[in-house]
N, C-alpha and C. Protein backbone atom coordinates (compact mmCIF):
# COMPACT_ATOMS: atom_id res chain seq x y z
N MET A 1 72.07 98.91 80.32
CA MET A 1 73.46 98.80 79.98
C MET A 1 73.60 98.49 78.50
N ASN A 2 74.51 99.13 77.87
CA ASN A 2 74.72 98.95 76.43
C ASN A 2 75.56 97.70 76.21
N GLU A 3 74.98 96.71 75.59
CA GLU A 3 75.62 95.42 75.38
C GLU A 3 76.86 95.52 74.56
N SER A 4 76.98 96.54 73.66
CA SER A 4 78.18 96.62 72.83
C SER A 4 79.42 96.89 73.69
N HIS A 5 79.26 97.48 74.89
CA HIS A 5 80.40 97.68 75.76
C HIS A 5 80.88 96.31 76.29
N ASP A 6 79.94 95.49 76.71
CA ASP A 6 80.29 94.14 77.14
C ASP A 6 80.95 93.43 76.00
N ASP A 7 80.45 93.57 74.78
CA ASP A 7 80.94 92.82 73.66
C ASP A 7 82.41 93.17 73.33
N ILE A 8 82.76 94.43 73.33
CA ILE A 8 84.13 94.79 72.96
C ILE A 8 85.12 94.33 74.06
N LEU A 9 84.74 94.47 75.30
CA LEU A 9 85.64 93.99 76.38
C LEU A 9 85.80 92.46 76.27
N GLN A 10 84.67 91.78 76.00
CA GLN A 10 84.73 90.32 75.83
C GLN A 10 85.58 89.96 74.63
N ALA A 11 85.43 90.66 73.55
CA ALA A 11 86.18 90.38 72.32
C ALA A 11 87.69 90.58 72.59
N VAL A 12 88.06 91.61 73.24
CA VAL A 12 89.45 91.87 73.57
C VAL A 12 89.99 90.77 74.47
N TYR A 13 89.19 90.43 75.52
CA TYR A 13 89.55 89.36 76.48
C TYR A 13 89.80 88.06 75.70
N GLN A 14 88.95 87.74 74.71
CA GLN A 14 89.08 86.52 73.98
C GLN A 14 90.43 86.47 73.21
N VAL A 15 90.84 87.61 72.66
CA VAL A 15 92.10 87.70 71.93
C VAL A 15 93.23 87.54 72.93
N VAL A 16 93.15 88.15 74.10
CA VAL A 16 94.19 88.01 75.15
C VAL A 16 94.27 86.53 75.51
N GLN A 17 93.15 85.88 75.72
CA GLN A 17 93.17 84.44 76.08
C GLN A 17 93.83 83.60 74.97
N GLU A 18 93.58 83.96 73.70
CA GLU A 18 94.14 83.26 72.57
C GLU A 18 95.68 83.44 72.58
N ARG A 19 96.13 84.67 72.84
CA ARG A 19 97.55 84.95 72.86
C ARG A 19 98.21 84.25 74.03
N LYS A 20 97.48 84.04 75.08
CA LYS A 20 98.00 83.32 76.24
C LYS A 20 98.15 81.84 75.89
N ALA A 21 97.16 81.28 75.22
CA ALA A 21 97.18 79.83 74.86
C ALA A 21 98.10 79.51 73.74
N VAL A 22 98.18 80.37 72.75
CA VAL A 22 99.06 80.16 71.56
C VAL A 22 99.83 81.43 71.28
N PRO A 23 100.93 81.59 72.03
CA PRO A 23 101.68 82.83 71.88
C PRO A 23 102.31 83.02 70.49
N ALA A 24 102.19 84.18 69.98
CA ALA A 24 102.86 84.56 68.72
C ALA A 24 104.09 85.42 69.10
N GLU A 25 105.19 85.18 68.40
CA GLU A 25 106.38 85.85 68.88
C GLU A 25 106.36 87.37 68.75
N ASN A 26 105.49 87.86 67.86
CA ASN A 26 105.36 89.35 67.68
C ASN A 26 104.22 89.93 68.45
N SER A 27 103.67 89.20 69.42
CA SER A 27 102.52 89.66 70.19
C SER A 27 102.93 90.31 71.49
N TYR A 28 102.51 91.56 71.67
CA TYR A 28 102.76 92.28 72.94
C TYR A 28 102.12 91.52 74.09
N THR A 29 100.87 91.12 73.88
CA THR A 29 100.12 90.40 74.91
C THR A 29 100.84 89.10 75.32
N ALA A 30 101.27 88.34 74.36
CA ALA A 30 101.98 87.06 74.63
C ALA A 30 103.23 87.34 75.40
N SER A 31 103.93 88.44 75.04
CA SER A 31 105.21 88.79 75.74
C SER A 31 104.91 89.14 77.19
N LEU A 32 103.84 89.86 77.47
CA LEU A 32 103.44 90.15 78.82
C LEU A 32 103.17 88.89 79.63
N MET A 33 102.36 88.00 79.03
CA MET A 33 102.03 86.72 79.68
C MET A 33 103.31 85.90 79.95
N ALA A 34 104.23 85.86 79.00
CA ALA A 34 105.41 85.06 79.18
C ALA A 34 106.31 85.65 80.29
N LYS A 35 106.30 86.91 80.48
CA LYS A 35 107.12 87.55 81.53
C LYS A 35 106.53 87.35 82.93
N GLY A 36 105.24 87.01 83.00
CA GLY A 36 104.65 86.63 84.28
C GLY A 36 103.94 87.78 84.97
N ILE A 37 103.42 87.38 86.15
CA ILE A 37 102.52 88.23 86.93
C ILE A 37 103.20 89.56 87.37
N ASP A 38 104.47 89.52 87.74
CA ASP A 38 105.12 90.72 88.23
C ASP A 38 105.14 91.79 87.13
N THR A 39 105.43 91.37 85.90
CA THR A 39 105.46 92.29 84.76
C THR A 39 104.04 92.79 84.46
N ILE A 40 103.10 91.91 84.50
CA ILE A 40 101.70 92.31 84.22
C ILE A 40 101.27 93.35 85.28
N LEU A 41 101.55 93.10 86.56
CA LEU A 41 101.16 94.03 87.62
C LEU A 41 101.90 95.34 87.49
N LYS A 42 103.16 95.29 87.14
CA LYS A 42 103.98 96.53 86.97
C LYS A 42 103.33 97.34 85.89
N LYS A 43 103.00 96.76 84.75
CA LYS A 43 102.41 97.44 83.62
C LYS A 43 101.02 98.01 84.00
N LEU A 44 100.23 97.22 84.75
CA LEU A 44 98.94 97.70 85.18
C LEU A 44 99.10 98.93 86.09
N GLY A 45 100.03 98.90 86.99
CA GLY A 45 100.31 100.03 87.86
C GLY A 45 100.74 101.29 87.12
N GLU A 46 101.57 101.06 86.08
CA GLU A 46 102.04 102.18 85.21
C GLU A 46 100.82 102.80 84.55
N GLU A 47 99.94 101.96 84.00
CA GLU A 47 98.79 102.45 83.27
C GLU A 47 97.80 103.18 84.21
N ALA A 48 97.66 102.71 85.42
CA ALA A 48 96.81 103.39 86.40
C ALA A 48 97.38 104.74 86.71
N THR A 49 98.68 104.83 86.90
CA THR A 49 99.34 106.09 87.20
C THR A 49 99.19 107.07 86.07
N GLU A 50 99.36 106.55 84.82
CA GLU A 50 99.20 107.41 83.66
C GLU A 50 97.75 107.97 83.55
N LEU A 51 96.77 107.15 83.95
CA LEU A 51 95.40 107.62 83.92
C LEU A 51 95.20 108.69 84.99
N VAL A 52 95.79 108.51 86.16
CA VAL A 52 95.68 109.50 87.20
C VAL A 52 96.26 110.86 86.71
N ILE A 53 97.40 110.77 86.07
CA ILE A 53 98.06 111.99 85.59
C ILE A 53 97.20 112.66 84.50
N ALA A 54 96.62 111.85 83.60
CA ALA A 54 95.74 112.36 82.55
C ALA A 54 94.53 112.98 83.15
N GLY A 55 93.95 112.32 84.21
CA GLY A 55 92.81 112.90 84.93
C GLY A 55 93.12 114.24 85.57
N LYS A 56 94.29 114.35 86.11
CA LYS A 56 94.74 115.61 86.74
C LYS A 56 94.85 116.70 85.67
N GLY A 57 95.38 116.31 84.48
CA GLY A 57 95.55 117.25 83.42
C GLY A 57 94.26 117.69 82.77
N GLY A 58 93.28 116.82 82.83
CA GLY A 58 91.93 117.15 82.31
C GLY A 58 91.74 117.10 80.78
N ALA A 59 92.74 116.66 80.06
CA ALA A 59 92.58 116.55 78.62
C ALA A 59 91.74 115.31 78.26
N ARG A 60 90.55 115.55 77.75
CA ARG A 60 89.59 114.50 77.54
C ARG A 60 90.17 113.33 76.70
N ASP A 61 90.83 113.63 75.60
CA ASP A 61 91.35 112.59 74.70
C ASP A 61 92.44 111.76 75.44
N GLU A 62 93.25 112.37 76.27
CA GLU A 62 94.25 111.66 77.01
C GLU A 62 93.61 110.72 78.10
N ILE A 63 92.52 111.20 78.68
CA ILE A 63 91.85 110.39 79.66
C ILE A 63 91.26 109.16 78.96
N VAL A 64 90.66 109.37 77.79
CA VAL A 64 90.05 108.22 77.04
C VAL A 64 91.16 107.26 76.67
N TYR A 65 92.26 107.74 76.16
CA TYR A 65 93.36 106.89 75.72
C TYR A 65 93.94 106.06 76.88
N GLU A 66 94.18 106.72 77.98
CA GLU A 66 94.78 106.01 79.17
C GLU A 66 93.80 105.09 79.80
N THR A 67 92.49 105.41 79.75
CA THR A 67 91.47 104.48 80.27
C THR A 67 91.46 103.22 79.45
N ALA A 68 91.56 103.41 78.12
CA ALA A 68 91.62 102.16 77.24
C ALA A 68 92.82 101.34 77.59
N ASP A 69 93.98 102.00 77.79
CA ASP A 69 95.18 101.23 78.19
C ASP A 69 94.98 100.45 79.49
N LEU A 70 94.37 101.18 80.46
CA LEU A 70 94.12 100.53 81.79
C LEU A 70 93.14 99.38 81.61
N PHE A 71 92.05 99.55 80.85
CA PHE A 71 91.10 98.44 80.62
C PHE A 71 91.83 97.22 79.98
N PHE A 72 92.63 97.53 78.94
CA PHE A 72 93.36 96.44 78.26
C PHE A 72 94.26 95.68 79.25
N HIS A 73 95.01 96.38 80.01
CA HIS A 73 95.95 95.69 80.91
C HIS A 73 95.25 95.00 82.06
N THR A 74 94.07 95.52 82.41
CA THR A 74 93.22 94.86 83.38
C THR A 74 92.74 93.51 82.83
N LEU A 75 92.38 93.53 81.53
CA LEU A 75 91.94 92.29 80.88
C LEU A 75 93.12 91.26 80.84
N VAL A 76 94.35 91.74 80.63
CA VAL A 76 95.50 90.84 80.67
C VAL A 76 95.64 90.22 82.07
N LEU A 77 95.46 90.99 83.10
CA LEU A 77 95.54 90.46 84.45
C LEU A 77 94.42 89.41 84.67
N LEU A 78 93.22 89.79 84.25
CA LEU A 78 92.13 88.79 84.40
C LEU A 78 92.39 87.52 83.66
N ALA A 79 92.91 87.62 82.41
CA ALA A 79 93.21 86.44 81.62
C ALA A 79 94.30 85.63 82.25
N HIS A 80 95.27 86.27 82.91
CA HIS A 80 96.34 85.50 83.58
C HIS A 80 95.72 84.58 84.61
N TYR A 81 94.70 85.04 85.30
CA TYR A 81 94.08 84.22 86.33
C TYR A 81 92.79 83.49 85.87
N ASP A 82 92.52 83.57 84.52
CA ASP A 82 91.33 82.97 83.95
C ASP A 82 90.05 83.42 84.62
N ILE A 83 90.01 84.75 84.84
CA ILE A 83 88.78 85.35 85.37
C ILE A 83 88.11 86.10 84.20
N SER A 84 86.96 85.68 83.94
CA SER A 84 86.18 86.25 82.79
C SER A 84 85.63 87.65 83.16
N PRO A 85 85.57 88.51 82.17
CA PRO A 85 84.91 89.82 82.41
C PRO A 85 83.48 89.61 82.95
N ASP A 86 82.84 88.53 82.58
CA ASP A 86 81.52 88.23 83.08
C ASP A 86 81.46 88.24 84.62
N GLU A 87 82.53 87.78 85.27
CA GLU A 87 82.60 87.73 86.70
C GLU A 87 82.61 89.15 87.27
N ILE A 88 83.27 90.03 86.58
CA ILE A 88 83.34 91.44 86.97
C ILE A 88 82.00 92.09 86.77
N TYR A 89 81.35 91.82 85.65
CA TYR A 89 80.01 92.37 85.37
C TYR A 89 79.05 91.91 86.44
N ALA A 90 79.10 90.63 86.83
CA ALA A 90 78.22 90.10 87.84
C ALA A 90 78.43 90.84 89.17
N GLU A 91 79.68 91.10 89.53
CA GLU A 91 79.98 91.81 90.80
C GLU A 91 79.44 93.23 90.72
N LEU A 92 79.62 93.91 89.57
CA LEU A 92 79.07 95.24 89.44
C LEU A 92 77.55 95.24 89.51
N ARG A 93 76.92 94.23 88.84
CA ARG A 93 75.46 94.16 88.96
C ARG A 93 75.03 93.91 90.43
N ARG A 94 75.77 93.11 91.16
CA ARG A 94 75.43 92.83 92.53
C ARG A 94 75.48 94.16 93.34
N ARG A 95 76.46 94.99 93.04
CA ARG A 95 76.63 96.26 93.76
C ARG A 95 75.68 97.35 93.33
N PHE A 96 75.13 97.23 92.10
CA PHE A 96 74.35 98.30 91.55
C PHE A 96 73.09 98.56 92.40
N GLY A 97 72.90 99.83 92.73
CA GLY A 97 71.78 100.20 93.56
C GLY A 97 72.02 100.12 95.04
N ILE A 98 73.22 99.71 95.43
CA ILE A 98 73.56 99.62 96.84
C ILE A 98 74.44 100.82 97.14
N SER A 99 74.18 101.45 98.26
CA SER A 99 75.00 102.54 98.68
C SER A 99 76.45 102.07 98.82
N GLY A 100 77.40 102.92 98.37
CA GLY A 100 78.81 102.53 98.47
C GLY A 100 79.24 102.28 99.89
N ILE A 101 78.68 103.00 100.83
CA ILE A 101 79.02 102.87 102.24
C ILE A 101 78.46 101.51 102.72
N ALA A 102 77.24 101.21 102.35
CA ALA A 102 76.64 99.94 102.76
C ALA A 102 77.35 98.75 102.14
N GLU A 103 77.79 98.90 100.86
CA GLU A 103 78.45 97.83 100.18
C GLU A 103 79.82 97.54 100.85
N LYS A 104 80.56 98.58 101.17
CA LYS A 104 81.85 98.40 101.84
C LYS A 104 81.69 97.77 103.20
N ALA A 105 80.64 98.13 103.93
CA ALA A 105 80.42 97.62 105.24
C ALA A 105 80.06 96.13 105.20
N SER A 106 79.51 95.69 104.03
CA SER A 106 79.04 94.26 103.93
C SER A 106 80.23 93.38 103.59
N ARG A 107 81.37 93.89 103.17
CA ARG A 107 82.52 93.05 102.80
C ARG A 107 83.13 92.39 103.99
N VAL A 108 83.62 91.16 103.74
CA VAL A 108 84.41 90.43 104.75
C VAL A 108 85.79 90.99 104.71
N PRO A 109 86.33 91.38 105.84
CA PRO A 109 87.71 91.95 105.84
C PRO A 109 88.71 90.95 105.35
N LEU A 110 89.65 91.47 104.51
CA LEU A 110 90.76 90.60 104.06
C LEU A 110 91.73 90.42 105.18
N LYS A 111 92.30 89.18 105.23
CA LYS A 111 93.24 88.89 106.32
C LYS A 111 94.66 89.11 105.88
């Protein structure tokens, strides 16, 4: 795994956490945090939909752009709940090399 990928996501996450802790009035991230979880989730859903549309269209640069938006808004959600990207990396590492079918079968059903 290329560590620079972890580094940029961690760096962006740190900035998001800083905006959460010390909001600046001209910060988009701080405004999302101030509006709360419903706004964060709405924006995350919008970005996911935009990525689906870009994927359907097949324009490579649009897919890259929308994926970056989705990653960013995912980091905002994680920061809202104080979940570090390291926890996500650990879960991905846990799943690595396991069949997707076997991994899903091993999950405890949500109630």
